[in-house]
Amino acid sequence: AAILIEKLAIFDDEIEARNRIAARYSDLLKGHVATPVV
């Protein structure tokens, strides 16, 4: 629980980074594979 409290403090920033990385993956892979749909 103590560890998760510290991780939760940066979690929204990490979610933003995950979405940025996913969007770039999809741009790079367009036309080669079927990329994820949200």
PDB file of all heavy atoms in Angstrom:
ATOM      1  N   ALA A   1       0.832  -1.211   0.000  1.00  0.00           N
ATOM      2  CA  ALA A   1       0.000   0.000   0.000  1.00  0.00           C
ATOM      3  C   ALA A   1       0.863   1.255   0.000  1.00  0.00           C
ATOM      4  O   ALA A   1       0.589   2.226  -0.721  1.00  0.00           O
ATOM      5  CB  ALA A   1      -0.930  -0.014   1.204  1.00  0.00           C
ATOM      6  N   ALA A   2       1.924   1.245   0.796  1.00  0.00           N
ATOM      7  CA  ALA A   2       2.813   2.404   0.873  1.00  0.00           C
ATOM      8  C   ALA A   2       3.473   2.677  -0.472  1.00  0.00           C
ATOM      9  O   ALA A   2       3.603   3.836  -0.907  1.00  0.00           O
ATOM     10  CB  ALA A   2       3.871   2.169   1.952  1.00  0.00           C
ATOM     11  N   ILE A   3       3.890   1.605  -1.150  1.00  0.00           N
ATOM     12  CA  ILE A   3       4.526   1.750  -2.472  1.00  0.00           C
ATOM     13  C   ILE A   3       3.517   2.276  -3.492  1.00  0.00           C
ATOM     14  O   ILE A   3       3.821   3.169  -4.294  1.00  0.00           O
ATOM     15  CB  ILE A   3       5.120   0.404  -2.915  1.00  0.00           C
ATOM     16  CG1 ILE A   3       6.315   0.034  -2.018  1.00  0.00           C
ATOM     17  CG2 ILE A   3       5.535   0.435  -4.385  1.00  0.00           C
ATOM     18  CD1 ILE A   3       6.739  -1.419  -2.115  1.00  0.00           C
ATOM     19  N   LEU A   4       2.308   1.748  -3.452  1.00  0.00           N
ATOM     20  CA  LEU A   4       1.283   2.170  -4.412  1.00  0.00           C
ATOM     21  C   LEU A   4       0.900   3.638  -4.249  1.00  0.00           C
ATOM     22  O   LEU A   4       0.579   4.312  -5.237  1.00  0.00           O
ATOM     23  CB  LEU A   4       0.047   1.282  -4.277  1.00  0.00           C
ATOM     24  CG  LEU A   4       0.200  -0.110  -4.900  1.00  0.00           C
ATOM     25  CD1 LEU A   4      -0.893  -1.050  -4.391  1.00  0.00           C
ATOM     26  CD2 LEU A   4       0.158  -0.015  -6.427  1.00  0.00           C
ATOM     27  N   ILE A   5       0.933   4.145  -3.020  1.00  0.00           N
ATOM     28  CA  ILE A   5       0.651   5.568  -2.810  1.00  0.00           C
ATOM     29  C   ILE A   5       1.636   6.424  -3.599  1.00  0.00           C
ATOM     30  O   ILE A   5       1.252   7.414  -4.247  1.00  0.00           O
ATOM     31  CB  ILE A   5       0.689   5.910  -1.313  1.00  0.00           C
ATOM     32  CG1 ILE A   5      -0.531   5.312  -0.595  1.00  0.00           C
ATOM     33  CG2 ILE A   5       0.750   7.420  -1.095  1.00  0.00           C
ATOM     34  CD1 ILE A   5      -0.442   5.359   0.916  1.00  0.00           C
ATOM     35  N   GLU A   6       2.907   6.057  -3.576  1.00  0.00           N
ATOM     36  CA  GLU A   6       3.929   6.821  -4.311  1.00  0.00           C
ATOM     37  C   GLU A   6       3.761   6.661  -5.820  1.00  0.00           C
ATOM     38  O   GLU A   6       3.978   7.611  -6.574  1.00  0.00           O
ATOM     39  CB  GLU A   6       5.333   6.382  -3.876  1.00  0.00           C
ATOM     40  CG  GLU A   6       5.605   6.550  -2.391  1.00  0.00           C
ATOM     41  CD  GLU A   6       5.310   7.957  -1.893  1.00  0.00           C
ATOM     42  OE1 GLU A   6       5.566   8.935  -2.640  1.00  0.00           O
ATOM     43  OE2 GLU A   6       4.814   8.093  -0.759  1.00  0.00           O
ATOM     44  N   LYS A   7       3.358   5.475  -6.261  1.00  0.00           N
ATOM     45  CA  LYS A   7       3.162   5.261  -7.701  1.00  0.00           C
ATOM     46  C   LYS A   7       1.912   5.981  -8.207  1.00  0.00           C
ATOM     47  O   LYS A   7       1.893   6.486  -9.337  1.00  0.00           O
ATOM     48  CB  LYS A   7       3.074   3.762  -7.995  1.00  0.00           C
ATOM     49  CG  LYS A   7       4.400   3.028  -7.848  1.00  0.00           C
ATOM     50  CD  LYS A   7       4.316   1.686  -8.537  1.00  0.00           C
ATOM     51  CE  LYS A   7       5.679   1.041  -8.663  1.00  0.00           C
ATOM     52  NZ  LYS A   7       5.675  -0.091  -9.608  1.00  0.00           N
ATOM     53  N   LEU A   8       0.882   6.041  -7.366  1.00  0.00           N
ATOM     54  CA  LEU A   8      -0.340   6.719  -7.769  1.00  0.00           C
ATOM     55  C   LEU A   8      -0.092   8.215  -7.986  1.00  0.00           C
ATOM     56  O   LEU A   8      -0.733   8.853  -8.836  1.00  0.00           O
ATOM     57  CB  LEU A   8      -1.429   6.505  -6.714  1.00  0.00           C
ATOM     58  CG  LEU A   8      -2.829   7.040  -7.021  1.00  0.00           C
ATOM     59  CD1 LEU A   8      -3.387   6.430  -8.296  1.00  0.00           C
ATOM     60  CD2 LEU A   8      -3.763   6.763  -5.849  1.00  0.00           C
ATOM     61  N   ALA A   9       0.865   8.765  -7.251  1.00  0.00           N
ATOM     62  CA  ALA A   9       1.165  10.199  -7.361  1.00  0.00           C
ATOM     63  C   ALA A   9       1.664  10.576  -8.753  1.00  0.00           C
ATOM     64  O   ALA A   9       1.509  11.735  -9.176  1.00  0.00           O
ATOM     65  CB  ALA A   9       2.200  10.596  -6.305  1.00  0.00           C
ATOM     66  N   ILE A  10       2.265   9.645  -9.487  1.00  0.00           N
ATOM     67  CA  ILE A  10       2.779   9.944 -10.837  1.00  0.00           C
ATOM     68  C   ILE A  10       1.958   9.247 -11.918  1.00  0.00           C
ATOM     69  O   ILE A  10       2.299   9.312 -13.101  1.00  0.00           O
ATOM     70  CB  ILE A  10       4.257   9.536 -10.967  1.00  0.00           C
ATOM     71  CG1 ILE A  10       4.434   8.016 -10.762  1.00  0.00           C
ATOM     72  CG2 ILE A  10       5.128  10.327  -9.993  1.00  0.00           C
ATOM     73  CD1 ILE A  10       5.817   7.501 -11.158  1.00  0.00           C
ATOM     74  N   PHE A  11       0.869   8.595 -11.531  1.00  0.00           N
ATOM     75  CA  PHE A  11       0.146   7.717 -12.453  1.00  0.00           C
ATOM     76  C   PHE A  11      -0.495   8.474 -13.615  1.00  0.00           C
ATOM     77  O   PHE A  11      -0.406   8.043 -14.769  1.00  0.00           O
ATOM     78  CB  PHE A  11      -0.897   6.908 -11.680  1.00  0.00           C
ATOM     79  CG  PHE A  11      -1.584   5.848 -12.489  1.00  0.00           C
ATOM     80  CD1 PHE A  11      -0.865   4.981 -13.295  1.00  0.00           C
ATOM     81  CD2 PHE A  11      -2.963   5.700 -12.440  1.00  0.00           C
ATOM     82  CE1 PHE A  11      -1.493   3.991 -14.030  1.00  0.00           C
ATOM     83  CE2 PHE A  11      -3.607   4.713 -13.166  1.00  0.00           C
ATOM     84  CZ  PHE A  11      -2.866   3.857 -13.973  1.00  0.00           C
ATOM     85  N   ASP A  12      -1.127   9.593 -13.361  1.00  0.00           N
ATOM     86  CA  ASP A  12      -1.775  10.325 -14.456  1.00  0.00           C
ATOM     87  C   ASP A  12      -0.755  10.802 -15.480  1.00  0.00           C
ATOM     88  O   ASP A  12      -1.023  10.802 -16.692  1.00  0.00           O
ATOM     89  CB  ASP A  12      -2.588  11.493 -13.910  1.00  0.00           C
ATOM     90  CG  ASP A  12      -3.910  11.053 -13.302  1.00  0.00           C
ATOM     91  OD1 ASP A  12      -4.327   9.897 -13.549  1.00  0.00           O
ATOM     92  OD2 ASP A  12      -4.530  11.843 -12.565  1.00  0.00           O
ATOM     93  N   ASP A  13       0.412  11.198 -15.013  1.00  0.00           N
ATOM     94  CA  ASP A  13       1.486  11.589 -15.925  1.00  0.00           C
ATOM     95  C   ASP A  13       1.912  10.383 -16.773  1.00  0.00           C
ATOM     96  O   ASP A  13       2.164  10.520 -17.982  1.00  0.00           O
ATOM     97  CB  ASP A  13       2.672  12.120 -15.114  1.00  0.00           C
ATOM     98  CG  ASP A  13       3.857  12.476 -15.990  1.00  0.00           C
ATOM     99  OD1 ASP A  13       3.697  13.313 -16.886  1.00  0.00           O
ATOM    100  OD2 ASP A  13       4.949  11.899 -15.789  1.00  0.00           O
ATOM    101  N   GLU A  14       1.955   9.203 -16.167  1.00  0.00           N
ATOM    102  CA  GLU A  14       2.330   7.997 -16.910  1.00  0.00           C
ATOM    103  C   GLU A  14       1.255   7.612 -17.924  1.00  0.00           C
ATOM    104  O   GLU A  14       1.575   7.137 -19.020  1.00  0.00           O
ATOM    105  CB  GLU A  14       2.600   6.853 -15.935  1.00  0.00           C
ATOM    106  CG  GLU A  14       3.854   7.052 -15.107  1.00  0.00           C
ATOM    107  CD  GLU A  14       4.191   5.841 -14.249  1.00  0.00           C
ATOM    108  OE1 GLU A  14       3.261   5.077 -13.887  1.00  0.00           O
ATOM    109  OE2 GLU A  14       5.378   5.641 -13.951  1.00  0.00           O
ATOM    110  N   ILE A  15      -0.014   7.791 -17.570  1.00  0.00           N
ATOM    111  CA  ILE A  15      -1.090   7.502 -18.522  1.00  0.00           C
ATOM    112  C   ILE A  15      -0.947   8.396 -19.760  1.00  0.00           C
ATOM    113  O   ILE A  15      -1.095   7.939 -20.904  1.00  0.00           O
ATOM    114  CB  ILE A  15      -2.475   7.710 -17.869  1.00  0.00           C
ATOM    115  CG1 ILE A  15      -2.711   6.653 -16.784  1.00  0.00           C
ATOM    116  CG2 ILE A  15      -3.581   7.638 -18.918  1.00  0.00           C
ATOM    117  CD1 ILE A  15      -3.981   6.891 -15.969  1.00  0.00           C
ATOM    118  N   GLU A  16      -0.659   9.664 -19.536  1.00  0.00           N
ATOM    119  CA  GLU A  16      -0.447  10.584 -20.653  1.00  0.00           C
ATOM    120  C   GLU A  16       0.698  10.115 -21.539  1.00  0.00           C
ATOM    121  O   GLU A  16       0.603  10.133 -22.774  1.00  0.00           O
ATOM    122  CB  GLU A  16      -0.172  11.987 -20.116  1.00  0.00           C
ATOM    123  CG  GLU A  16      -0.023  13.045 -21.188  1.00  0.00           C
ATOM    124  CD  GLU A  16       0.215  14.431 -20.621  1.00  0.00           C
ATOM    125  OE1 GLU A  16      -0.150  14.679 -19.452  1.00  0.00           O
ATOM    126  OE2 GLU A  16       0.760  15.282 -21.351  1.00  0.00           O
ATOM    127  N   ALA A  17       1.798   9.661 -20.914  1.00  0.00           N
ATOM    128  CA  ALA A  17       2.940   9.171 -21.680  1.00  0.00           C
ATOM    129  C   ALA A  17       2.577   7.905 -22.453  1.00  0.00           C
ATOM    130  O   ALA A  17       2.960   7.740 -23.624  1.00  0.00           O
ATOM    131  CB  ALA A  17       4.116   8.893 -20.736  1.00  0.00           C
ATOM    132  N   ARG A  18       1.839   6.993 -21.840  1.00  0.00           N
ATOM    133  CA  ARG A  18       1.425   5.768 -22.534  1.00  0.00           C
ATOM    134  C   ARG A  18       0.607   6.099 -23.783  1.00  0.00           C
ATOM    135  O   ARG A  18       0.779   5.485 -24.839  1.00  0.00           O
ATOM    136  CB  ARG A  18       0.613   4.887 -21.584  1.00  0.00           C
ATOM    137  CG  ARG A  18       1.427   4.171 -20.515  1.00  0.00           C
ATOM    138  CD  ARG A  18       0.519   3.407 -19.548  1.00  0.00           C
ATOM    139  NE  ARG A  18       1.275   2.689 -18.544  1.00  0.00           N
ATOM    140  CZ  ARG A  18       1.765   1.453 -18.688  1.00  0.00           C
ATOM    141  NH1 ARG A  18       1.552   0.802 -19.819  1.00  0.00           N
ATOM    142  NH2 ARG A  18       2.439   0.873 -17.716  1.00  0.00           N
ATOM    143  N   ASN A  19      -0.288   7.071 -23.670  1.00  0.00           N
ATOM    144  CA  ASN A  19      -1.115   7.438 -24.816  1.00  0.00           C
ATOM    145  C   ASN A  19      -0.284   8.100 -25.908  1.00  0.00           C
ATOM    146  O   ASN A  19      -0.532   7.868 -27.101  1.00  0.00           O
ATOM    147  CB  ASN A  19      -2.269   8.334 -24.366  1.00  0.00           C
ATOM    148  CG  ASN A  19      -3.445   7.525 -23.855  1.00  0.00           C
ATOM    149  OD1 ASN A  19      -4.271   7.059 -24.625  1.00  0.00           O
ATOM    150  ND2 ASN A  19      -3.504   7.323 -22.534  1.00  0.00           N
ATOM    151  N   ARG A  20       0.674   8.896 -25.534  1.00  0.00           N
ATOM    152  CA  ARG A  20       1.561   9.510 -26.523  1.00  0.00           C
ATOM    153  C   ARG A  20       2.380   8.437 -27.261  1.00  0.00           C
ATOM    154  O   ARG A  20       2.519   8.477 -28.500  1.00  0.00           O
ATOM    155  CB  ARG A  20       2.489  10.510 -25.824  1.00  0.00           C
ATOM    156  CG  ARG A  20       3.405  11.268 -26.765  1.00  0.00           C
ATOM    157  CD  ARG A  20       4.207  12.309 -26.021  1.00  0.00           C
ATOM    158  NE  ARG A  20       5.133  11.719 -25.037  1.00  0.00           N
ATOM    159  CZ  ARG A  20       4.990  11.813 -23.733  1.00  0.00           C
ATOM    160  NH1 ARG A  20       3.950  12.442 -23.208  1.00  0.00           N
ATOM    161  NH2 ARG A  20       5.876  11.265 -22.914  1.00  0.00           N
ATOM    162  N   ILE A  21       2.885   7.469 -26.512  1.00  0.00           N
ATOM    163  CA  ILE A  21       3.692   6.399 -27.105  1.00  0.00           C
ATOM    164  C   ILE A  21       2.830   5.521 -28.007  1.00  0.00           C
ATOM    165  O   ILE A  21       3.240   5.132 -29.118  1.00  0.00           O
ATOM    166  CB  ILE A  21       4.371   5.579 -25.989  1.00  0.00           C
ATOM    167  CG1 ILE A  21       5.456   6.425 -25.315  1.00  0.00           C
ATOM    168  CG2 ILE A  21       4.943   4.273 -26.528  1.00  0.00           C
ATOM    169  CD1 ILE A  21       5.891   5.912 -23.956  1.00  0.00           C
ATOM    170  N   ALA A  22       1.609   5.212 -27.566  1.00  0.00           N
ATOM    171  CA  ALA A  22       0.715   4.394 -28.379  1.00  0.00           C
ATOM    172  C   ALA A  22       0.370   5.089 -29.690  1.00  0.00           C
ATOM    173  O   ALA A  22       0.337   4.456 -30.760  1.00  0.00           O
ATOM    174  CB  ALA A  22      -0.552   4.070 -27.596  1.00  0.00           C
ATOM    175  N   ALA A  23       0.111   6.394 -29.629  1.00  0.00           N
ATOM    176  CA  ALA A  23      -0.206   7.140 -30.849  1.00  0.00           C
ATOM    177  C   ALA A  23       0.966   7.114 -31.821  1.00  0.00           C
ATOM    178  O   ALA A  23       0.781   6.973 -33.042  1.00  0.00           O
ATOM    179  CB  ALA A  23      -0.584   8.577 -30.495  1.00  0.00           C
ATOM    180  N   ARG A  24       2.177   7.231 -31.303  1.00  0.00           N
ATOM    181  CA  ARG A  24       3.355   7.202 -32.187  1.00  0.00           C
ATOM    182  C   ARG A  24       3.552   5.806 -32.776  1.00  0.00           C
ATOM    183  O   ARG A  24       3.887   5.678 -33.968  1.00  0.00           O
ATOM    184  CB  ARG A  24       4.602   7.639 -31.405  1.00  0.00           C
ATOM    185  CG  ARG A  24       5.817   7.842 -32.302  1.00  0.00           C
ATOM    186  CD  ARG A  24       6.957   8.535 -31.569  1.00  0.00           C
ATOM    187  NE  ARG A  24       8.041   8.843 -32.494  1.00  0.00           N
ATOM    188  CZ  ARG A  24       9.052   8.012 -32.776  1.00  0.00           C
ATOM    189  NH1 ARG A  24       9.115   6.822 -32.172  1.00  0.00           N
ATOM    190  NH2 ARG A  24       9.985   8.355 -33.640  1.00  0.00           N
ATOM    191  N   TYR A  25       3.343   4.755 -31.977  1.00  0.00           N
ATOM    192  CA  TYR A  25       3.389   3.392 -32.516  1.00  0.00           C
ATOM    193  C   TYR A  25       2.437   3.270 -33.711  1.00  0.00           C
ATOM    194  O   TYR A  25       2.802   2.746 -34.765  1.00  0.00           O
ATOM    195  CB  TYR A  25       2.942   2.400 -31.439  1.00  0.00           C
ATOM    196  CG  TYR A  25       4.028   1.636 -30.719  1.00  0.00           C
ATOM    197  CD1 TYR A  25       3.876   1.302 -29.374  1.00  0.00           C
ATOM    198  CD2 TYR A  25       5.175   1.192 -31.367  1.00  0.00           C
ATOM    199  CE1 TYR A  25       4.843   0.572 -28.683  1.00  0.00           C
ATOM    200  CE2 TYR A  25       6.157   0.463 -30.694  1.00  0.00           C
ATOM    201  CZ  TYR A  25       5.982   0.155 -29.352  1.00  0.00           C
ATOM    202  OH  TYR A  25       6.941  -0.565 -28.682  1.00  0.00           O
ATOM    203  N   SER A  26       1.216   3.732 -33.525  1.00  0.00           N
ATOM    204  CA  SER A  26       0.214   3.584 -34.575  1.00  0.00           C
ATOM    205  C   SER A  26       0.607   4.346 -35.834  1.00  0.00           C
ATOM    206  O   SER A  26       0.384   3.862 -36.959  1.00  0.00           O
ATOM    207  CB  SER A  26      -1.154   4.049 -34.067  1.00  0.00           C
ATOM    208  OG  SER A  26      -1.626   3.172 -33.045  1.00  0.00           O
ATOM    209  N   ASP A  27       1.201   5.525 -35.678  1.00  0.00           N
ATOM    210  CA  ASP A  27       1.675   6.271 -36.842  1.00  0.00           C
ATOM    211  C   ASP A  27       2.786   5.517 -37.571  1.00  0.00           C
ATOM    212  O   ASP A  27       2.800   5.445 -38.803  1.00  0.00           O
ATOM    213  CB  ASP A  27       2.189   7.647 -36.409  1.00  0.00           C
ATOM    214  CG  ASP A  27       1.073   8.610 -36.027  1.00  0.00           C
ATOM    215  OD1 ASP A  27      -0.091   8.356 -36.402  1.00  0.00           O
ATOM    216  OD2 ASP A  27       1.367   9.613 -35.345  1.00  0.00           O
ATOM    217  N   LEU A  28       3.713   4.950 -36.806  1.00  0.00           N
ATOM    218  CA  LEU A  28       4.855   4.254 -37.409  1.00  0.00           C
ATOM    219  C   LEU A  28       4.450   2.943 -38.078  1.00  0.00           C
ATOM    220  O   LEU A  28       5.082   2.518 -39.053  1.00  0.00           O
ATOM    221  CB  LEU A  28       5.917   3.981 -36.340  1.00  0.00           C
ATOM    222  CG  LEU A  28       6.642   5.203 -35.757  1.00  0.00           C
ATOM    223  CD1 LEU A  28       7.453   4.802 -34.527  1.00  0.00           C
ATOM    224  CD2 LEU A  28       7.546   5.847 -36.806  1.00  0.00           C
ATOM    225  N   LEU A  29       3.408   2.308 -37.571  1.00  0.00           N
ATOM    226  CA  LEU A  29       3.032   0.972 -38.056  1.00  0.00           C
ATOM    227  C   LEU A  29       1.865   0.984 -39.036  1.00  0.00           C
ATOM    228  O   LEU A  29       1.473  -0.066 -39.537  1.00  0.00           O
ATOM    229  CB  LEU A  29       2.689   0.076 -36.862  1.00  0.00           C
ATOM    230  CG  LEU A  29       3.863  -0.272 -35.950  1.00  0.00           C
ATOM    231  CD1 LEU A  29       3.373  -0.965 -34.688  1.00  0.00           C
ATOM    232  CD2 LEU A  29       4.881  -1.149 -36.686  1.00  0.00           C
ATOM    233  N   LYS A  30       1.327   2.159 -39.301  1.00  0.00           N
ATOM    234  CA  LYS A  30       0.183   2.265 -40.213  1.00  0.00           C
ATOM    235  C   LYS A  30       0.536   1.666 -41.577  1.00  0.00           C
ATOM    236  O   LYS A  30       1.597   1.947 -42.138  1.00  0.00           O
ATOM    237  CB  LYS A  30      -0.208   3.725 -40.374  1.00  0.00           C
ATOM    238  CG  LYS A  30      -1.498   3.966 -41.143  1.00  0.00           C
ATOM    239  CD  LYS A  30      -1.774   5.452 -41.303  1.00  0.00           C
ATOM    240  CE  LYS A  30      -1.865   6.159 -39.966  1.00  0.00           C
ATOM    241  NZ  LYS A  30      -2.148   7.623 -40.105  1.00  0.00           N
ATOM    242  N   GLY A  31      -0.349   0.810 -42.075  1.00  0.00           N
ATOM    243  CA  GLY A  31      -0.121   0.183 -43.368  1.00  0.00           C
ATOM    244  C   GLY A  31       0.652  -1.115 -43.308  1.00  0.00           C
ATOM    245  O   GLY A  31       0.740  -1.837 -44.315  1.00  0.00           O
ATOM    246  N   HIS A  32       1.231  -1.424 -42.149  1.00  0.00           N
ATOM    247  CA  HIS A  32       2.002  -2.660 -42.000  1.00  0.00           C
ATOM    248  C   HIS A  32       1.234  -3.720 -41.213  1.00  0.00           C
ATOM    249  O   HIS A  32       1.281  -4.909 -41.534  1.00  0.00           O
ATOM    250  CB  HIS A  32       3.341  -2.373 -41.317  1.00  0.00           C
ATOM    251  CG  HIS A  32       4.220  -1.439 -42.072  1.00  0.00           C
ATOM    252  ND1 HIS A  32       4.959  -1.830 -43.179  1.00  0.00           N
ATOM    253  CD2 HIS A  32       4.479  -0.106 -41.895  1.00  0.00           C
ATOM    254  CE1 HIS A  32       5.641  -0.794 -43.649  1.00  0.00           C
ATOM    255  NE2 HIS A  32       5.369   0.258 -42.879  1.00  0.00           N
ATOM    256  N   VAL A  33       0.541  -3.289 -40.172  1.00  0.00           N
ATOM    257  CA  VAL A  33      -0.273  -4.177 -39.331  1.00  0.00           C
ATOM    258  C   VAL A  33      -1.559  -3.435 -38.984  1.00  0.00           C
ATOM    259  O   VAL A  33      -1.661  -2.213 -39.169  1.00  0.00           O
ATOM    260  CB  VAL A  33       0.469  -4.573 -38.031  1.00  0.00           C
ATOM    261  CG1 VAL A  33       1.683  -5.441 -38.321  1.00  0.00           C
ATOM    262  CG2 VAL A  33       0.861  -3.331 -37.234  1.00  0.00           C
ATOM    263  N   ALA A  34      -2.542  -4.155 -38.461  1.00  0.00           N
ATOM    264  CA  ALA A  34      -3.759  -3.517 -37.952  1.00  0.00           C
ATOM    265  C   ALA A  34      -3.472  -3.025 -36.542  1.00  0.00           C
ATOM    266  O   ALA A  34      -3.247  -3.819 -35.622  1.00  0.00           O
ATOM    267  CB  ALA A  34      -4.920  -4.497 -37.966  1.00  0.00           C
ATOM    268  N   THR A  35      -3.466  -1.712 -36.369  1.00  0.00           N
ATOM    269  CA  THR A  35      -3.126  -1.119 -35.078  1.00  0.00           C
ATOM    270  C   THR A  35      -4.364  -1.060 -34.178  1.00  0.00           C
ATOM    271  O   THR A  35      -5.495  -1.146 -34.654  1.00  0.00           O
ATOM    272  CB  THR A  35      -2.535   0.288 -35.270  1.00  0.00           C
ATOM    273  OG1 THR A  35      -3.454   1.079 -36.034  1.00  0.00           O
ATOM    274  CG2 THR A  35      -1.206   0.203 -36.018  1.00  0.00           C
ATOM    275  N   PRO A  36      -4.173  -0.912 -32.866  1.00  0.00           N
ATOM    276  CA  PRO A  36      -5.305  -0.944 -31.931  1.00  0.00           C
ATOM    277  C   PRO A  36      -6.310   0.175 -32.177  1.00  0.00           C
ATOM    278  O   PRO A  36      -5.950   1.275 -32.608  1.00  0.00           O
ATOM    279  CB  PRO A  36      -4.642  -0.787 -30.558  1.00  0.00           C
ATOM    280  CG  PRO A  36      -3.221  -1.188 -30.763  1.00  0.00           C
ATOM    281  CD  PRO A  36      -2.882  -0.806 -32.163  1.00  0.00           C
ATOM    282  N   VAL A  37      -7.559  -0.135 -31.880  1.00  0.00           N
ATOM    283  CA  VAL A  37      -8.658   0.822 -32.041  1.00  0.00           C
ATOM    284  C   VAL A  37      -9.200   1.199 -30.662  1.00  0.00           C
ATOM    285  O   VAL A  37      -9.577   0.320 -29.886  1.00  0.00           O
ATOM    286  CB  VAL A  37      -9.791   0.221 -32.897  1.00  0.00           C
ATOM    287  CG1 VAL A  37     -10.987   1.164 -32.943  1.00  0.00           C
ATOM    288  CG2 VAL A  37      -9.287  -0.105 -34.299  1.00  0.00           C
ATOM    289  N   VAL A  38      -9.214   2.483 -30.366  1.00  0.00           N
ATOM    290  CA  VAL A  38      -9.844   2.990 -29.148  1.00  0.00           C
ATOM    291  C   VAL A  38     -11.094   3.758 -29.575  1.00  0.00           C
ATOM    292  O   VAL A  38     -10.985   4.790 -30.233  1.00  0.00           O
ATOM    293  CB  VAL A  38      -8.899   3.903 -28.347  1.00  0.00           C
ATOM    294  CG1 VAL A  38      -9.595   4.401 -27.079  1.00  0.00           C
ATOM    295  CG2 VAL A  38      -7.618   3.161 -27.987  1.00  0.00           C
TER     296      VAL A  38
END
